Structures are given as structure tokens and as C-alpha cells.
PDB file of N, CA and C in Angstrom:
ATOM      1  N   MET A   1     -22.141  -6.669  44.487  1.00  0.00           N
ATOM      2  CA  MET A   1     -21.094  -7.590  44.086  1.00  0.00           C
ATOM      3  C   MET A   1     -21.433  -8.298  42.795  1.00  0.00           C
ATOM      4  N   ALA A   2     -22.700  -8.488  42.472  1.00  0.00           N
ATOM      5  CA  ALA A   2     -23.100  -9.165  41.284  1.00  0.00           C
ATOM      6  C   ALA A   2     -22.778  -8.361  40.051  1.00  0.00           C
ATOM      7  N   GLN A   3     -22.867  -7.030  40.180  1.00  0.00           N
ATOM      8  CA  GLN A   3     -22.579  -6.162  39.067  1.00  0.00           C
ATOM      9  C   GLN A   3     -21.084  -6.224  38.636  1.00  0.00           C
ATOM     10  N   ILE A   4     -20.228  -6.277  39.690  1.00  0.00           N
ATOM     11  CA  ILE A   4     -18.749  -6.417  39.471  1.00  0.00           C
ATOM     12  C   ILE A   4     -18.485  -7.702  38.727  1.00  0.00           C
ATOM     13  N   ASP A   5     -19.159  -8.830  39.143  1.00  0.00           N
ATOM     14  CA  ASP A   5     -18.876 -10.115  38.528  1.00  0.00           C
ATOM     15  C   ASP A   5     -19.308 -10.103  37.107  1.00  0.00           C
ATOM     16  N   GLU A   6     -20.481  -9.408  36.743  1.00  0.00           N
ATOM     17  CA  GLU A   6     -20.834  -9.310  35.393  1.00  0.00           C
ATOM     18  C   GLU A   6     -19.896  -8.532  34.502  1.00  0.00           C
ATOM     19  N   ILE A   7     -19.293  -7.519  35.116  1.00  0.00           N
ATOM     20  CA  ILE A   7     -18.337  -6.670  34.365  1.00  0.00           C
ATOM     21  C   ILE A   7     -17.056  -7.479  34.148  1.00  0.00           C
ATOM     22  N   LYS A   8     -16.576  -8.206  35.157  1.00  0.00           N
ATOM     23  CA  LYS A   8     -15.420  -9.080  35.012  1.00  0.00           C
ATOM     24  C   LYS A   8     -15.639 -10.119  33.951  1.00  0.00           C
ATOM     25  N   GLU A   9     -16.806 -10.718  33.912  1.00  0.00           N
ATOM     26  CA  GLU A   9     -17.105 -11.808  32.969  1.00  0.00           C
ATOM     27  C   GLU A   9     -17.194 -11.207  31.550  1.00  0.00           C
ATOM     28  N   ARG A  10     -17.701  -9.970  31.400  1.00  0.00           N
ATOM     29  CA  ARG A  10     -17.733  -9.332  30.074  1.00  0.00           C
ATOM     30  C   ARG A  10     -16.348  -8.978  29.591  1.00  0.00           C
ATOM     31  N   ILE A  11     -15.466  -8.532  30.506  1.00  0.00           N
ATOM     32  CA  ILE A  11     -14.118  -8.236  30.156  1.00  0.00           C
ATOM     33  C   ILE A  11     -13.324  -9.552  29.729  1.00  0.00           C
ATOM     34  N   ASN A  12     -13.564 -10.609  30.509  1.00  0.00           N
ATOM     35  CA  ASN A  12     -12.967 -11.861  30.127  1.00  0.00           C
ATOM     36  C   ASN A  12     -13.435 -12.375  28.836  1.00  0.00           C
ATOM     37  N   TRP A  13     -14.722 -12.181  28.477  1.00  0.00           N
ATOM     38  CA  TRP A  13     -15.211 -12.617  27.186  1.00  0.00           C
ATOM     39  C   TRP A  13     -14.589 -11.763  26.063  1.00  0.00           C
ATOM     40  N   LEU A  14     -14.510 -10.454  26.313  1.00  0.00           N
ATOM     41  CA  LEU A  14     -13.828  -9.609  25.311  1.00  0.00           C
ATOM     42  C   LEU A  14     -12.332 -10.005  25.103  1.00  0.00           C
ATOM     43  N   LYS A  15     -11.675 -10.355  26.172  1.00  0.00           N
ATOM     44  CA  LYS A  15     -10.290 -10.756  26.027  1.00  0.00           C
ATOM     45  C   LYS A  15     -10.151 -12.030  25.234  1.00  0.00           C
ATOM     46  N   ASP A  16     -11.032 -13.029  25.467  1.00  0.00           N
ATOM     47  CA  ASP A  16     -11.071 -14.268  24.648  1.00  0.00           C
ATOM     48  C   ASP A  16     -11.324 -13.959  23.169  1.00  0.00           C
ATOM     49  N   LEU A  17     -12.265 -13.037  22.938  1.00  0.00           N
ATOM     50  CA  LEU A  17     -12.557 -12.688  21.535  1.00  0.00           C
ATOM     51  C   LEU A  17     -11.335 -12.024  20.876  1.00  0.00           C
ATOM     52  N   PHE A  18     -10.659 -11.148  21.632  1.00  0.00           N
ATOM     53  CA  PHE A  18      -9.408 -10.567  21.182  1.00  0.00           C
ATOM     54  C   PHE A  18      -8.344 -11.512  20.810  1.00  0.00           C
ATOM     55  N   LYS A  19      -8.197 -12.588  21.681  1.00  0.00           N
ATOM     56  CA  LYS A  19      -7.231 -13.646  21.330  1.00  0.00           C
ATOM     57  C   LYS A  19      -7.612 -14.422  20.064  1.00  0.00           C
ATOM     58  N   ILE A  20      -8.911 -14.684  19.890  1.00  0.00           N
ATOM     59  CA  ILE A  20      -9.293 -15.391  18.708  1.00  0.00           C
ATOM     60  C   ILE A  20      -9.054 -14.527  17.434  1.00  0.00           C
ATOM     61  N   LEU A  21      -9.404 -13.202  17.610  1.00  0.00           N
ATOM     62  CA  LEU A  21      -9.132 -12.346  16.405  1.00  0.00           C
ATOM     63  C   LEU A  21      -7.688 -12.323  16.034  1.00  0.00           C
ATOM     64  N   VAL A  22      -6.816 -12.170  17.044  1.00  0.00           N
ATOM     65  CA  VAL A  22      -5.404 -12.131  16.781  1.00  0.00           C
ATOM     66  C   VAL A  22      -4.934 -13.431  16.038  1.00  0.00           C
ATOM     67  N   MET A  23      -5.445 -14.603  16.445  1.00  0.00           N
ATOM     68  CA  MET A  23      -5.099 -15.862  15.734  1.00  0.00           C
ATOM     69  C   MET A  23      -5.619 -15.790  14.331  1.00  0.00           C
ATOM     70  N   VAL A  24      -6.822 -15.330  14.136  1.00  0.00           N
ATOM     71  CA  VAL A  24      -7.376 -15.184  12.742  1.00  0.00           C
ATOM     72  C   VAL A  24      -6.534 -14.254  11.920  1.00  0.00           C
ATOM     73  N   LEU A  25      -6.103 -13.102  12.474  1.00  0.00           N
ATOM     74  CA  LEU A  25      -5.244 -12.194  11.811  1.00  0.00           C
ATOM     75  C   LEU A  25      -3.960 -12.763  11.382  1.00  0.00           C
ATOM     76  N   ILE A  26      -3.369 -13.557  12.245  1.00  0.00           N
ATOM     77  CA  ILE A  26      -2.078 -14.181  11.975  1.00  0.00           C
ATOM     78  C   ILE A  26      -2.207 -15.143  10.828  1.00  0.00           C
ATOM     79  N   ALA A  27      -3.299 -15.939  10.832  1.00  0.00           N
ATOM     80  CA  ALA A  27      -3.543 -16.949   9.733  1.00  0.00           C
ATOM     81  C   ALA A  27      -3.816 -16.155   8.452  1.00  0.00           C
ATOM     82  N   LEU A  28      -4.502 -14.981   8.474  1.00  0.00           N
ATOM     83  CA  LEU A  28      -4.743 -14.296   7.243  1.00  0.00           C
ATOM     84  C   LEU A  28      -3.497 -13.705   6.676  1.00  0.00           C
ATOM     85  N   ILE A  29      -2.640 -13.122   7.554  1.00  0.00           N
ATOM     86  CA  ILE A  29      -1.424 -12.543   7.038  1.00  0.00           C
ATOM     87  C   ILE A  29      -0.452 -13.636   6.504  1.00  0.00           C
ATOM     88  N   ALA A  30      -0.508 -14.794   7.137  1.00  0.00           N
ATOM     89  CA  ALA A  30       0.341 -15.899   6.632  1.00  0.00           C
ATOM     90  C   ALA A  30      -0.150 -16.333   5.171  1.00  0.00           C
ATOM     91  N   GLY A  31      -1.503 -16.364   5.017  1.00  0.00           N
ATOM     92  CA  GLY A  31      -2.016 -16.768   3.767  1.00  0.00           C
ATOM     93  C   GLY A  31      -1.733 -15.741   2.678  1.00  0.00           C
ATOM     94  N   VAL A  32      -1.971 -14.425   3.029  1.00  0.00           N
ATOM     95  CA  VAL A  32      -1.754 -13.370   2.066  1.00  0.00           C
ATOM     96  C   VAL A  32      -0.188 -13.338   1.738  1.00  0.00           C
ATOM     97  N   SER A  33       0.613 -13.519   2.660  1.00  0.00           N
ATOM     98  CA  SER A  33       2.063 -13.429   2.364  1.00  0.00           C
ATOM     99  C   SER A  33       2.537 -14.588   1.503  1.00  0.00           C
ATOM    100  N   LYS A  34       1.932 -15.750   1.746  1.00  0.00           N
ATOM    101  CA  LYS A  34       2.331 -16.921   0.834  1.00  0.00           C
ATOM    102  C   LYS A  34       1.820 -16.669  -0.589  1.00  0.00           C
ATOM    103  N   LEU A  35       0.627 -16.085  -0.726  1.00  0.00           N
ATOM    104  CA  LEU A  35       0.190 -15.768  -2.109  1.00  0.00           C
ATOM    105  C   LEU A  35       1.048 -14.696  -2.720  1.00  0.00           C
ATOM    106  N   PHE A  36       1.546 -13.740  -1.930  1.00  0.00           N
ATOM    107  CA  PHE A  36       2.375 -12.658  -2.399  1.00  0.00           C
ATOM    108  C   PHE A  36       3.778 -13.248  -2.869  1.00  0.00           C
ATOM    109  N   LEU A  37       4.313 -14.052  -2.006  1.00  0.00           N
ATOM    110  CA  LEU A  37       5.620 -14.660  -2.350  1.00  0.00           C
ATOM    111  C   LEU A  37       5.516 -15.532  -3.603  1.00  0.00           C
ATOM    112  N   ASN A  38       4.351 -16.187  -3.880  1.00  0.00           N
ATOM    113  CA  ASN A  38       4.225 -17.027  -5.020  1.00  0.00           C
ATOM    114  C   ASN A  38       3.757 -16.169  -6.237  1.00  0.00           C
ATOM    115  N   LYS A  39       3.630 -14.890  -6.054  1.00  0.00           N
ATOM    116  CA  LYS A  39       3.208 -13.913  -7.115  1.00  0.00           C
ATOM    117  C   LYS A  39       1.864 -14.378  -7.732  1.00  0.00           C
ATOM    118  N   ASP A  40       0.979 -14.851  -6.858  1.00  0.00           N
ATOM    119  CA  ASP A  40      -0.311 -15.302  -7.191  1.00  0.00           C
ATOM    120  C   ASP A  40      -1.392 -14.287  -6.733  1.00  0.00           C
ATOM    121  N   PHE A  41      -1.538 -13.188  -7.551  1.00  0.00           N
ATOM    122  CA  PHE A  41      -2.402 -12.130  -7.197  1.00  0.00           C
ATOM    123  C   PHE A  41      -3.772 -12.398  -7.711  1.00  0.00           C
ATOM    124  N   ASN A  42      -4.535 -13.197  -7.113  1.00  0.00           N
ATOM    125  CA  ASN A  42      -5.905 -13.552  -7.460  1.00  0.00           C
ATOM    126  C   ASN A  42      -6.838 -12.918  -6.444  1.00  0.00           C
ATOM    127  N   ILE A  43      -8.079 -13.319  -6.544  1.00  0.00           N
ATOM    128  CA  ILE A  43      -9.107 -12.735  -5.704  1.00  0.00           C
ATOM    129  C   ILE A  43      -8.946 -13.048  -4.220  1.00  0.00           C
ATOM    130  N   LEU A  44      -8.297 -14.192  -3.960  1.00  0.00           N
ATOM    131  CA  LEU A  44      -8.062 -14.532  -2.566  1.00  0.00           C
ATOM    132  C   LEU A  44      -7.039 -13.622  -1.917  1.00  0.00           C
ATOM    133  N   PHE A  45      -6.062 -13.177  -2.727  1.00  0.00           N
ATOM    134  CA  PHE A  45      -5.043 -12.290  -2.197  1.00  0.00           C
ATOM    135  C   PHE A  45      -5.665 -10.950  -1.824  1.00  0.00           C
ATOM    136  N   TYR A  46      -6.509 -10.393  -2.728  1.00  0.00           N
ATOM    137  CA  TYR A  46      -7.162  -9.078  -2.406  1.00  0.00           C
ATOM    138  C   TYR A  46      -8.219  -9.206  -1.319  1.00  0.00           C
ATOM    139  N   LEU A  47      -8.950 -10.309  -1.370  1.00  0.00           N
ATOM    140  CA  LEU A  47      -9.951 -10.503  -0.279  1.00  0.00           C
ATOM    141  C   LEU A  47      -9.284 -10.705   1.065  1.00  0.00           C
ATOM    142  N   GLY A  48      -8.152 -11.410   1.127  1.00  0.00           N
ATOM    143  CA  GLY A  48      -7.402 -11.581   2.340  1.00  0.00           C
ATOM    144  C   GLY A  48      -6.835 -10.228   2.906  1.00  0.00           C
ATOM    145  N   ALA A  49      -6.408  -9.441   1.993  1.00  0.00           N
ATOM    146  CA  ALA A  49      -5.867  -8.134   2.386  1.00  0.00           C
ATOM    147  C   ALA A  49      -6.917  -7.228   2.969  1.00  0.00           C
ATOM    148  N   ILE A  50      -8.064  -7.217   2.280  1.00  0.00           N
ATOM    149  CA  ILE A  50      -9.164  -6.369   2.765  1.00  0.00           C
ATOM    150  C   ILE A  50      -9.737  -6.913   4.109  1.00  0.00           C
ATOM    151  N   VAL A  51      -9.901  -8.170   4.210  1.00  0.00           N
ATOM    152  CA  VAL A  51     -10.426  -8.759   5.459  1.00  0.00           C
ATOM    153  C   VAL A  51      -9.409  -8.494   6.602  1.00  0.00           C
ATOM    154  N   SER A  52      -8.155  -8.514   6.321  1.00  0.00           N
ATOM    155  CA  SER A  52      -7.108  -8.244   7.364  1.00  0.00           C
ATOM    156  C   SER A  52      -7.281  -6.853   7.888  1.00  0.00           C
ATOM    157  N   VAL A  53      -7.521  -5.896   6.981  1.00  0.00           N
ATOM    158  CA  VAL A  53      -7.669  -4.518   7.421  1.00  0.00           C
ATOM    159  C   VAL A  53      -8.903  -4.381   8.377  1.00  0.00           C
ATOM    160  N   PHE A  54     -10.042  -5.070   7.974  1.00  0.00           N
ATOM    161  CA  PHE A  54     -11.200  -5.034   8.809  1.00  0.00           C
ATOM    162  C   PHE A  54     -10.990  -5.691  10.208  1.00  0.00           C
ATOM    163  N   VAL A  55     -10.233  -6.789  10.200  1.00  0.00           N
ATOM    164  CA  VAL A  55      -9.938  -7.486  11.471  1.00  0.00           C
ATOM    165  C   VAL A  55      -9.063  -6.551  12.356  1.00  0.00           C
ATOM    166  N   ILE A  56      -8.135  -5.884  11.740  1.00  0.00           N
ATOM    167  CA  ILE A  56      -7.302  -4.929  12.529  1.00  0.00           C
ATOM    168  C   ILE A  56      -8.098  -3.754  13.146  1.00  0.00           C
ATOM    169  N   LEU A  57      -9.093  -3.282  12.320  1.00  0.00           N
ATOM    170  CA  LEU A  57      -9.960  -2.231  12.854  1.00  0.00           C
ATOM    171  C   LEU A  57     -10.873  -2.786  14.006  1.00  0.00           C
ATOM    172  N   TRP A  58     -11.389  -4.007  13.853  1.00  0.00           N
ATOM    173  CA  TRP A  58     -12.154  -4.645  14.892  1.00  0.00           C
ATOM    174  C   TRP A  58     -11.329  -4.896  16.169  1.00  0.00           C
ATOM    175  N   LEU A  59     -10.033  -5.241  16.013  1.00  0.00           N
ATOM    176  CA  LEU A  59      -9.161  -5.407  17.159  1.00  0.00           C
ATOM    177  C   LEU A  59      -8.960  -4.057  17.838  1.00  0.00           C
ATOM    178  N   MET A  60      -8.841  -3.016  17.093  1.00  0.00           N
ATOM    179  CA  MET A  60      -8.539  -1.749  17.715  1.00  0.00           C
ATOM    180  C   MET A  60      -9.853  -1.305  18.559  1.00  0.00           C
ATOM    181  N   ILE A  61     -11.001  -1.491  17.993  1.00  0.00           N
ATOM    182  CA  ILE A  61     -12.234  -1.174  18.659  1.00  0.00           C
ATOM    183  C   ILE A  61     -12.343  -2.032  19.985  1.00  0.00           C
ATOM    184  N   LEU A  62     -12.062  -3.315  19.839  1.00  0.00           N
ATOM    185  CA  LEU A  62     -12.125  -4.208  20.950  1.00  0.00           C
ATOM    186  C   LEU A  62     -11.083  -3.846  22.021  1.00  0.00           C
ATOM    187  N   PHE A  63      -9.927  -3.434  21.615  1.00  0.00           N
ATOM    188  CA  PHE A  63      -8.934  -2.992  22.629  1.00  0.00           C
ATOM    189  C   PHE A  63      -9.436  -1.783  23.425  1.00  0.00           C
ATOM    190  N   PHE A  64     -10.076  -0.804  22.764  1.00  0.00           N
ATOM    191  CA  PHE A  64     -10.544   0.325  23.483  1.00  0.00           C
ATOM    192  C   PHE A  64     -11.766  -0.006  24.393  1.00  0.00           C
ATOM    193  N   LYS A  65     -12.562  -1.015  23.985  1.00  0.00           N
ATOM    194  CA  LYS A  65     -13.623  -1.484  24.851  1.00  0.00           C
ATOM    195  C   LYS A  65     -13.105  -2.158  26.170  1.00  0.00           C
ATOM    196  N   ILE A  66     -12.056  -2.994  25.953  1.00  0.00           N
ATOM    197  CA  ILE A  66     -11.459  -3.672  27.078  1.00  0.00           C
ATOM    198  C   ILE A  66     -10.836  -2.615  28.115  1.00  0.00           C
ATOM    199  N   ASN A  67     -10.199  -1.652  27.521  1.00  0.00           N
ATOM    200  CA  ASN A  67      -9.619  -0.597  28.458  1.00  0.00           C
ATOM    201  C   ASN A  67     -10.703   0.176  29.056  1.00  0.00           C
TER     202      ASN A  67
END
């Protein structure tokens, strides 16, 4: 029974991490889109776009771990 509880706890922790990463991704996309609409293509725009791609990849890996 203890092993099942450990697995459930790990899955719950992964779900919480998934939720946090989704919120971070939403904030990143909002920031990048604001810079895009203002036509302000500076280092923050490119850095935000690159980090967004990495967050999406991390979310995909996390999704497969949860399943």
C-alpha cells in the first residue's frame, strides 16, 4: 500500500508542476505577443520565444511522464 501512495504522490507533484509550467508559458506568450504587437524586436523578444519553445518541450515530456 505504501508504494501506491508514493506513486500517487509523485503523480500529484508532476501535475502541480505541469500547472505551474502552463502558467509560465501563458505569461511568456503574453509578453512575447506584446513585444511583437509593439514591433519591439529586442533581445527579450527572442529570448522569450526561445524559452517558450523549451517550456513547451518540457511540458510534453512531463505529459508523457504523467501518463
